[in-house]
Amino acid sequence: MVDEPIEIKIDNKEVNRKLLDLAMRGENLRPLMKNIAGIFAYSTEENFKEEGRPKWQDLAESTKKQRKKKRNVSRFNPASYRSTRIVY
């Protein structure tokens, strides 16, 4: 079963216009961009803490089974190759 992809549209024309206006006036945009990056980072952190806003859907049973299988498969361990003393 394939769900429709999520499409997010943001009308940022006004934001782009204001940023361009600031840039054309020769203003230092670094503090503003740092502030915006902080807002995005905080928002992303909150989304993960709250498990989505609105809440994320639970994983499909098929996905849960696949992830469980992957956990049971032994993983590559580079430390085990160091002990062989073979140089490549």
Protein backbone atom coordinates (compact mmCIF):
# COMPACT_ATOMS: atom_id res chain seq x y z
CA MET A 1 0.00 0.00 0.00
CA VAL A 2 1.46 3.33 -1.06
CA ASP A 3 0.19 6.50 0.54
CA GLU A 4 0.15 9.79 -1.29
CA PRO A 5 3.30 11.85 -0.64
CA ILE A 6 3.03 14.77 1.71
CA GLU A 7 3.35 18.10 -0.04
CA ILE A 8 4.05 21.24 1.93
CA LYS A 9 3.61 24.61 0.24
CA ILE A 10 4.82 27.75 1.91
CA ASP A 11 4.09 31.18 0.53
CA ASN A 12 7.34 32.92 1.40
CA LYS A 13 7.19 35.75 -1.14
CA GLU A 14 6.92 38.38 1.57
CA VAL A 15 9.84 36.92 3.53
CA ASN A 16 11.98 36.78 0.39
CA ARG A 17 11.07 40.38 -0.46
CA LYS A 18 12.06 41.62 3.00
CA LEU A 19 15.33 39.67 3.00
CA LEU A 20 16.19 41.03 -0.43
CA ASP A 21 15.36 44.54 0.78
CA LEU A 22 17.70 44.13 3.76
CA ALA A 23 20.46 42.73 1.56
CA MET A 24 20.13 45.60 -0.92
CA ARG A 25 20.46 48.12 1.91
CA GLY A 26 23.77 46.47 2.79
CA GLU A 27 22.60 45.23 6.16
CA ASN A 28 24.43 42.39 7.87
CA LEU A 29 22.03 39.44 7.55
CA ARG A 30 24.13 37.10 9.69
CA PRO A 31 22.34 37.85 13.01
CA LEU A 32 18.94 37.50 11.35
CA MET A 33 19.86 34.23 9.64
CA LYS A 34 21.32 32.90 12.90
CA ASN A 35 18.04 33.74 14.62
CA ILE A 36 16.00 32.03 11.89
CA ALA A 37 18.24 28.93 12.07
CA GLY A 38 17.69 28.84 15.83
CA ILE A 39 13.93 29.00 15.37
CA PHE A 40 14.05 26.11 12.86
CA ALA A 41 16.29 24.04 15.16
CA TYR A 42 14.01 24.64 18.16
CA SER A 43 10.90 23.83 16.15
CA THR A 44 12.43 20.59 14.84
CA GLU A 45 13.52 19.58 18.33
CA GLU A 46 10.02 20.25 19.69
CA ASN A 47 8.45 18.24 16.84
CA PHE A 48 10.55 15.21 17.75
CA LYS A 49 9.93 15.64 21.46
CA GLU A 50 6.16 15.83 20.90
CA GLU A 51 6.32 13.11 18.20
CA GLY A 52 4.89 15.50 15.67
CA ARG A 53 2.53 18.44 15.77
CA PRO A 54 -0.06 17.06 15.03
CA LYS A 55 0.96 13.60 16.29
CA TRP A 56 2.63 11.34 13.75
CA GLN A 57 0.82 8.26 12.52
CA ASP A 58 1.93 4.97 14.00
CA LEU A 59 4.24 2.92 11.76
CA ALA A 60 2.64 0.33 9.51
CA GLU A 61 2.90 -3.26 10.75
CA SER A 62 5.05 -4.14 7.72
CA THR A 63 7.53 -1.40 8.66
CA LYS A 64 7.67 -2.59 12.27
CA LYS A 65 8.40 -6.15 11.06
CA GLN A 66 11.18 -4.95 8.73
CA ARG A 67 12.82 -2.93 11.48
CA LYS A 68 12.62 -5.86 13.88
CA LYS A 69 14.32 -8.10 11.29
CA LYS A 70 17.08 -5.53 10.76
CA ARG A 71 17.80 -5.42 14.51
CA ASN A 72 18.32 -9.18 14.54
CA VAL A 73 20.87 -9.15 11.70
CA SER A 74 24.47 -8.98 12.88
CA ARG A 75 26.10 -5.70 12.02
CA PHE A 76 29.54 -5.01 10.60
CA ASN A 77 32.06 -4.61 13.39
CA PRO A 78 35.31 -2.96 12.22
CA ALA A 79 37.00 -3.86 15.52
CA SER A 80 36.81 -7.55 14.61
CA TYR A 81 38.89 -6.88 11.47
CA ARG A 82 41.64 -5.11 13.39
CA SER A 83 42.41 -8.23 15.37
CA THR A 84 43.24 -10.25 12.21
CA ARG A 85 46.45 -8.24 11.63
CA ILE A 86 45.86 -8.30 7.89
CA VAL A 87 46.89 -5.12 6.11
CA TYR A 88 44.95 -4.16 2.99
